[in-house]
Structure formats: C-alpha cells, structure tokens
Amino acid sequence: MQEPEATEITFFDCSVIYGVHPQKENFRPAVSKEALKQALAEAGVQKALVRRREQIFGGPATGNRLIAEDLSGEENLWGAWSVIPCHTHEIPQPADMLTEMKQNRIAAWWFIPDMHYFTFHPRVLGEWLDVAVSARIPILCIMEHGIDWADIINTLEKYPELTVILTLKSVWPPDRYIRPLLRDFPHTYIELSRYWTDGGLEELVEFCGPERILFGSGFDSAYFGGIMLMIKHAQIPEKAKRLIASGNLERILSNIKL
C-alpha cells in the first residue's frame, strides 16, 4: 500500500546549547536567546530543549538562573537544568526542584562531572536519580562531559526505569555500545547529533524501532540542517521520521510528573 503524500515535518531539537563561551567563539555561536531563536527560525526548527554554556563554566546555580530567565514567556523552548551531588547544598534539593521546574519551563536534568568535579555513579547521585525515576524526568547524558559507558551501565543496572537520552562523544560508529542499552533498557534513547554513520539510521530503526531515537542537531557546534536532512532523506517510513523529528521527545516530556 502506498504511503500518503508527505507533509512538512515538525522538528523538536533535544541537543541545543547557546550562551557565552569563556575562551573562544564556537562555530556560528548564539550568545543570547534572541540569537538562538533567530537561528532556529532560519533553520525551520519549531521547538527546542536547550542548555546554556554558563551552566558549564559559570556553575549550576548561575547558569540555571540564566536559562530560567530566558525561558520566561516562551512557548516553544524548554530548558535543562544542570545538577550536582546534593551533599554540598549549592542548589535546591532534588524534591524541591520540581515546583521550580514547572514554573520555569524546565523539562530535563544534565550532569557535567568533568567540570563540576564529581563521579557519575548511583552512590553519588542517588537522590537525583530517585526523583528522576519517580517524576519521569529525562536525564541528558552528554558523554563528552566525563560520563563513560561503564557509568551508564552501572546507573541503568540500578535504575532500569530511568529515562536517559544519550549524546555520543564522537562520530565513530558506536553501535556495539548503544545497541545493548537500547535492547535492555526501555527508557534509554539516543539522539542523533553525533550519529553520522552512512546508513546507520536505517539500521538503527530496523534494530530498535524509531521510538528510541531523537532528533538532536548539536547546535551551536554544528548546523541544524545536517541531521534534519539525514532524517528527511532516510529510507524509513514517514511515520518513523515524524517520531524521530519530534514525536518521541514530545511523548517523553508529556510523561513528566511535576
């Protein structure tokens, strides 16, 4: 049976960072919310889950405040807050964050162990992970920030219901790492910003279905259009393209319990 004629795909980007870098300008940087919104509009990306560089280099408290201020009054932007172990009391405790998240359009947490000096491990982050599971808050595991595959496996062994969105460290084909996780942990997802394998998207859809794959551009270290084109021209069904482009992330965020 022939598929219906394709209509415009909505793109919801889960891998966007903007703000001021303390050492250098990045590839086509967006240093402000206004610059980011302009770049999104030019690329045809309708929605985005965003982070700020100040959350890395300025610290969680400062960076989280800046992104909350940016998202006030927005309709198509959601934010991720950077969190650190509870034991030093620098940011609110996990349970206390939930009300603030709802008020500030925050829809995810992310950890930056290499810059914020802690180990990504359940014994260190258990308070956060407990709340993330109960409230179904997605965790962005961006592996260039000091998270490795053993960390991910150890965490998912203890928290198999944790919603995890993986961002790869390099574009070298990672399937021997990610496929066991996608097979064994039903709430683990991969975003595509560094999944540049020729024919890889088609094989990944065949392996795990399109429901476990998310559109991520990697902006502002890459153009939005690269991964958008990969999704648009992939040899997969139109329904799969729509799930990857926006539907899966919309579903994940709709399940959050704040």
Protein backbone atom coordinates (compact mmCIF):
# COMPACT_ATOMS: atom_id res chain seq x y z
CA MET A 1 0.00 0.00 0.00
CA GLN A 2 1.41 3.39 -0.96
CA GLU A 3 2.11 5.81 1.87
CA PRO A 4 0.17 9.11 1.89
CA GLU A 5 1.91 12.13 0.43
CA ALA A 6 4.41 13.63 2.87
CA THR A 7 3.64 16.91 4.58
CA GLU A 8 6.01 19.21 6.43
CA ILE A 9 7.83 17.56 9.35
CA THR A 10 7.92 19.29 12.74
CA PHE A 11 11.38 19.32 14.31
CA PHE A 12 11.90 19.35 18.09
CA ASP A 13 15.63 19.58 18.81
CA CYS A 14 16.86 17.96 22.03
CA SER A 15 20.53 18.93 21.65
CA VAL A 16 20.96 22.70 21.62
CA ILE A 17 23.37 24.82 23.63
CA TYR A 18 23.89 28.58 23.47
CA GLY A 19 25.42 31.35 25.56
CA VAL A 20 28.88 32.81 26.05
CA HIS A 21 31.98 30.61 25.92
CA PRO A 22 34.72 31.92 28.25
CA GLN A 23 37.61 31.11 25.92
CA LYS A 24 36.54 31.16 22.28
CA GLU A 25 33.63 31.59 19.96
CA ASN A 26 32.11 28.38 18.69
CA PHE A 27 31.02 27.53 15.21
CA ARG A 28 28.33 30.11 14.37
CA PRO A 29 27.69 30.87 18.06
CA ALA A 30 24.38 32.02 19.52
CA VAL A 31 25.31 34.02 22.59
CA SER A 32 21.76 35.06 23.54
CA LYS A 33 18.22 33.75 23.48
CA GLU A 34 17.38 36.19 20.70
CA ALA A 35 20.23 34.89 18.52
CA LEU A 36 19.17 31.32 19.23
CA LYS A 37 15.54 31.98 18.27
CA GLN A 38 16.66 33.59 15.03
CA ALA A 39 18.86 30.59 14.19
CA LEU A 40 16.01 28.17 14.96
CA ALA A 41 13.62 30.13 12.74
CA GLU A 42 16.10 30.28 9.86
CA ALA A 43 16.64 26.53 10.02
CA GLY A 44 12.96 25.65 10.32
CA VAL A 45 13.24 24.07 13.77
CA GLN A 46 9.98 24.68 15.57
CA LYS A 47 10.85 23.61 19.15
CA ALA A 48 13.98 23.02 21.22
CA LEU A 49 15.15 21.68 24.56
CA VAL A 50 18.04 23.99 25.40
CA ARG A 51 21.05 24.41 27.67
CA ARG A 52 23.39 27.35 28.32
CA ARG A 53 27.19 27.31 28.29
CA GLU A 54 27.15 29.25 31.53
CA GLN A 55 25.80 26.10 33.20
CA ILE A 56 29.17 24.53 32.42
CA PHE A 57 31.58 27.38 33.02
CA GLY A 58 29.63 29.63 35.38
CA GLY A 59 28.31 26.87 37.60
CA PRO A 60 24.88 25.30 38.01
CA ALA A 61 23.34 28.00 40.20
CA THR A 62 24.26 30.87 37.87
CA GLY A 63 23.62 29.01 34.63
CA ASN A 64 20.30 27.59 35.79
CA ARG A 65 19.10 31.05 36.79
CA LEU A 66 20.06 32.49 33.40
CA ILE A 67 18.22 29.82 31.45
CA ALA A 68 15.12 30.15 33.63
CA GLU A 69 15.09 33.90 32.95
CA ASP A 70 15.45 33.26 29.21
CA LEU A 71 12.51 30.85 29.09
CA SER A 72 10.04 33.15 30.80
CA GLY A 73 7.14 33.77 28.42
CA GLU A 74 8.38 31.34 25.77
CA GLU A 75 6.10 28.75 24.14
CA ASN A 76 8.44 26.63 22.03
CA LEU A 77 11.55 26.45 24.22
CA TRP A 78 12.13 24.19 27.19
CA GLY A 79 15.24 24.06 29.35
CA ALA A 80 17.52 21.55 31.05
CA TRP A 81 18.97 22.36 34.46
CA SER A 82 22.49 21.33 35.38
CA VAL A 83 22.58 19.45 38.68
CA ILE A 84 25.35 18.33 41.02
CA PRO A 85 25.53 15.99 44.04
CA CYS A 86 23.33 17.11 46.93
CA HIS A 87 25.96 16.93 49.62
CA THR A 88 27.40 20.44 49.20
CA HIS A 89 23.99 22.21 49.25
CA GLU A 90 24.76 24.61 46.38
CA ILE A 91 21.42 24.21 44.62
CA PRO A 92 17.98 23.13 45.89
CA GLN A 93 17.49 19.52 46.89
CA PRO A 94 16.01 17.25 44.19
CA ALA A 95 12.45 17.11 45.55
CA ASP A 96 12.46 20.90 45.99
CA MET A 97 13.37 21.37 42.34
CA LEU A 98 10.11 20.01 40.96
CA THR A 99 7.94 23.05 41.68
CA GLU A 100 10.64 25.36 40.35
CA MET A 101 10.96 23.25 37.20
CA LYS A 102 7.27 23.62 36.40
CA GLN A 103 7.37 27.37 36.98
CA ASN A 104 10.44 27.82 34.76
CA ARG A 105 9.74 25.50 31.78
CA ILE A 106 12.48 23.08 32.81
CA ALA A 107 11.99 19.59 31.36
CA ALA A 108 15.29 17.72 31.93
CA TRP A 109 18.42 17.49 34.06
CA TRP A 110 22.00 17.11 32.91
CA PHE A 111 25.24 16.26 34.70
CA ILE A 112 28.70 17.70 33.93
CA PRO A 113 31.07 15.57 36.06
CA ASP A 114 34.34 16.63 34.44
CA MET A 115 33.79 20.36 35.01
CA HIS A 116 31.92 20.16 38.31
CA TYR A 117 34.24 17.60 39.94
CA PHE A 118 32.17 14.57 40.84
CA THR A 119 31.73 10.97 39.72
CA PHE A 120 28.73 9.91 37.68
CA HIS A 121 27.65 7.00 39.87
CA PRO A 122 24.42 5.99 41.68
CA ARG A 123 26.12 6.24 45.07
CA VAL A 124 26.95 9.88 44.35
CA LEU A 125 23.77 10.88 42.51
CA GLY A 126 21.19 8.57 44.08
CA GLU A 127 18.99 11.37 45.44
CA TRP A 128 18.67 12.89 41.98
CA LEU A 129 18.12 9.57 40.26
CA ASP A 130 15.40 8.54 42.73
CA VAL A 131 13.41 11.68 41.96
CA ALA A 132 14.11 11.42 38.23
CA VAL A 133 12.57 7.96 38.15
CA SER A 134 9.53 8.83 40.24
CA ALA A 135 8.84 12.08 38.35
CA ARG A 136 9.91 10.61 34.97
CA ILE A 137 12.35 13.44 34.38
CA PRO A 138 14.71 12.72 31.46
CA ILE A 139 18.44 12.76 32.15
CA LEU A 140 20.69 14.10 29.39
CA CYS A 141 23.88 12.04 29.44
CA ILE A 142 26.31 14.05 27.32
CA MET A 143 29.32 11.80 27.20
CA GLU A 144 31.91 14.43 26.32
CA HIS A 145 31.41 15.83 29.85
CA GLY A 146 33.07 12.99 31.72
CA ILE A 147 30.47 10.20 31.53
CA ASP A 148 31.61 6.86 30.11
CA TRP A 149 29.82 3.70 29.07
CA ALA A 150 30.55 1.88 32.34
CA ASP A 151 28.94 4.79 34.22
CA ILE A 152 25.82 4.48 32.07
CA ILE A 153 25.60 0.71 32.51
CA ASN A 154 26.13 0.88 36.29
CA THR A 155 23.46 3.54 36.61
CA LEU A 156 20.90 1.74 34.46
CA GLU A 157 21.50 -1.56 36.25
CA LYS A 158 20.37 0.13 39.46
CA TYR A 159 17.76 2.39 37.82
CA PRO A 160 16.36 0.48 34.83
CA GLU A 161 13.29 2.77 34.67
CA LEU A 162 15.41 5.91 34.38
CA THR A 163 14.76 7.97 31.24
CA VAL A 164 18.17 8.57 29.67
CA ILE A 165 18.96 10.49 26.48
CA LEU A 166 22.45 9.69 25.23
CA THR A 167 24.65 12.17 23.37
CA LEU A 168 27.73 10.47 21.93
CA LYS A 169 31.29 11.66 22.43
CA SER A 170 32.41 11.24 18.83
CA VAL A 171 31.04 10.27 15.43
CA TRP A 172 32.89 6.96 15.33
CA PRO A 173 30.25 4.21 14.88
CA PRO A 174 29.02 3.46 18.43
CA ASP A 175 26.56 0.62 17.84
CA ARG A 176 28.41 -2.01 19.87
CA TYR A 177 27.95 0.31 22.86
CA ILE A 178 24.44 1.61 22.33
CA ARG A 179 22.57 -1.40 20.99
CA PRO A 180 22.79 -3.48 24.22
CA LEU A 181 21.44 -0.48 26.14
CA LEU A 182 18.60 0.06 23.69
CA ARG A 183 17.79 -3.66 23.84
CA ASP A 184 17.79 -3.98 27.64
CA PHE A 185 16.57 -0.62 28.98
CA PRO A 186 13.21 0.53 27.57
CA HIS A 187 13.60 4.18 28.57
CA THR A 188 17.03 4.72 27.06
CA TYR A 189 17.20 6.88 23.92
CA ILE A 190 19.89 8.07 21.54
CA GLU A 191 19.88 11.49 19.94
CA LEU A 192 21.42 11.84 16.51
CA SER A 193 23.72 14.87 16.70
CA ARG A 194 26.83 12.66 16.50
CA TYR A 195 25.40 9.61 14.82
CA TRP A 196 26.83 10.16 11.35
CA THR A 197 27.18 6.57 10.14
CA ASP A 198 26.26 6.02 6.49
CA GLY A 199 23.05 4.02 6.52
CA GLY A 200 23.19 3.92 10.30
CA LEU A 201 19.80 5.50 10.93
CA GLU A 202 18.06 2.94 8.75
CA GLU A 203 19.82 0.06 10.54
CA LEU A 204 19.08 1.54 13.96
CA VAL A 205 15.40 1.87 13.14
CA GLU A 206 15.40 -1.75 12.00
CA PHE A 207 17.11 -2.81 15.23
CA CYS A 208 15.05 -0.99 17.85
CA GLY A 209 12.26 0.81 16.03
CA PRO A 210 12.01 4.59 15.58
CA GLU A 211 10.58 5.17 19.07
CA ARG A 212 14.02 5.20 20.76
CA ILE A 213 15.67 7.78 18.51
CA LEU A 214 15.54 11.59 18.87
CA PHE A 215 16.42 14.50 16.64
CA GLY A 216 19.39 16.43 18.02
CA SER A 217 21.38 18.91 15.96
CA GLY A 218 24.35 19.56 18.23
CA PHE A 219 23.92 23.32 17.71
CA ASP A 220 25.89 25.58 18.17
CA SER A 221 28.81 23.32 17.31
CA ALA A 222 27.04 22.21 14.14
CA TYR A 223 24.36 23.39 11.75
CA PHE A 224 20.78 22.37 12.40
CA GLY A 225 20.42 21.23 8.81
CA GLY A 226 22.78 18.27 8.78
CA ILE A 227 20.72 15.95 10.95
CA MET A 228 17.46 17.40 9.62
CA LEU A 229 18.49 16.32 6.13
CA MET A 230 19.52 12.89 7.35
CA ILE A 231 16.06 12.35 8.84
CA LYS A 232 14.20 13.78 5.85
CA HIS A 233 16.05 11.62 3.33
CA ALA A 234 16.43 8.42 5.35
CA GLN A 235 14.98 5.28 3.79
CA ILE A 236 12.46 4.80 6.60
CA PRO A 237 8.68 5.24 6.75
CA GLU A 238 7.24 8.75 7.01
CA LYS A 239 5.73 7.90 10.39
CA ALA A 240 9.18 6.95 11.69
CA LYS A 241 10.61 10.27 10.51
CA ARG A 242 7.94 12.17 12.41
CA LEU A 243 8.52 10.22 15.60
CA ILE A 244 12.26 10.86 15.43
CA ALA A 245 11.91 14.51 14.45
CA SER A 246 9.56 15.47 17.28
CA GLY A 247 7.03 12.87 18.36
CA ASN A 248 9.27 10.87 20.67
CA LEU A 249 10.54 13.89 22.59
CA GLU A 250 7.02 15.28 22.90
CA ARG A 251 5.94 11.96 24.39
CA ILE A 252 8.84 11.91 26.86
CA LEU A 253 8.10 15.44 28.07
CA SER A 254 4.36 14.79 28.32
CA ASN A 255 5.07 11.96 30.78
CA ILE A 256 6.90 14.17 33.30
CA LYS A 257 5.10 14.36 36.65
CA LEU A 258 5.70 17.77 38.23
